[in-house]
Amino acid sequence: MQDVAERAAILAIADISGYTKFMLSHRKSPVHSQMIISELLNSNVKSADSVLEVAKLEGDAVFLFAFK
């Protein structure tokens, strides 16, 4: 078995509050709604880019991490 060194890490999940309600209230224009959500997620990723790395995008959330 390989030795794994322990390292301190910072974990963050940036989630868009009200995502489901927003999508349901704009269901007649889903493409436009998805464009708005994509812009919000991209903004989250860009603002954290210098400090955190993106581990995964999932729906309306971004999972970010950084090792100390």
Protein backbone atom coordinates (compact mmCIF):
# COMPACT_ATOMS: atom_id res chain seq x y z
CA MET A 1 0.00 0.00 0.00
CA GLN A 2 1.24 3.47 -0.87
CA ASP A 3 1.90 5.99 1.91
CA VAL A 4 -0.26 9.07 1.65
CA ALA A 5 1.03 12.24 3.26
CA GLU A 6 -1.48 14.22 5.25
CA ARG A 7 -1.92 17.81 4.15
CA ALA A 8 -4.21 20.52 5.41
CA ALA A 9 -6.74 21.62 2.82
CA ILE A 10 -9.46 24.19 2.38
CA LEU A 11 -12.73 22.93 0.89
CA ALA A 12 -15.52 25.19 -0.33
CA ILE A 13 -18.85 24.67 -2.02
CA ALA A 14 -20.35 27.69 -3.77
CA ASP A 15 -24.05 27.02 -4.27
CA ILE A 16 -26.58 29.31 -5.95
CA SER A 17 -29.32 29.98 -3.42
CA GLY A 18 -32.83 29.79 -4.88
CA TYR A 19 -31.75 27.85 -7.98
CA THR A 20 -34.76 25.52 -8.10
CA LYS A 21 -37.26 28.32 -7.48
CA PHE A 22 -35.59 30.45 -10.16
CA MET A 23 -35.63 27.63 -12.72
CA LEU A 24 -39.27 26.78 -11.98
CA SER A 25 -40.39 30.39 -12.24
CA HIS A 26 -38.61 30.72 -15.62
CA ARG A 27 -39.55 27.35 -17.11
CA LYS A 28 -40.97 29.00 -20.24
CA SER A 29 -37.49 30.25 -21.11
CA PRO A 30 -35.14 27.48 -19.89
CA VAL A 31 -32.32 28.39 -22.29
CA HIS A 32 -32.19 31.97 -21.03
CA SER A 33 -32.38 30.79 -17.41
CA GLN A 34 -29.54 28.33 -17.94
CA MET A 35 -27.42 31.09 -19.50
CA ILE A 36 -27.90 33.22 -16.37
CA ILE A 37 -26.97 30.30 -14.09
CA SER A 38 -23.89 29.56 -16.22
CA GLU A 39 -22.75 33.18 -15.93
CA LEU A 40 -23.15 33.06 -12.14
CA LEU A 41 -21.15 29.83 -11.90
CA ASN A 42 -18.43 31.21 -14.19
CA SER A 43 -18.23 34.31 -12.01
CA ASN A 44 -17.76 32.12 -8.91
CA VAL A 45 -15.00 30.14 -10.60
CA LYS A 46 -13.19 33.23 -11.90
CA SER A 47 -13.29 35.02 -8.54
CA ALA A 48 -11.82 32.01 -6.72
CA ASP A 49 -9.37 31.04 -9.46
CA SER A 50 -6.26 32.65 -7.95
CA VAL A 51 -6.70 30.86 -4.61
CA LEU A 52 -8.83 27.75 -5.13
CA GLU A 53 -9.00 25.03 -7.76
CA VAL A 54 -12.24 23.64 -9.16
CA ALA A 55 -12.75 20.00 -8.25
CA LYS A 56 -16.22 19.59 -9.75
CA LEU A 57 -19.19 21.45 -11.17
CA GLU A 58 -22.50 19.92 -10.16
CA GLY A 59 -25.82 21.50 -11.14
CA ASP A 60 -25.86 24.90 -9.45
CA ALA A 61 -22.78 24.34 -7.29
CA VAL A 62 -19.02 24.51 -7.61
CA PHE A 63 -16.78 22.37 -5.38
CA LEU A 64 -13.43 24.10 -4.83
CA PHE A 65 -10.30 23.19 -2.90
CA ALA A 66 -6.79 24.35 -2.04
CA PHE A 67 -3.96 22.75 -0.11
CA LYS A 68 -2.38 24.88 2.61
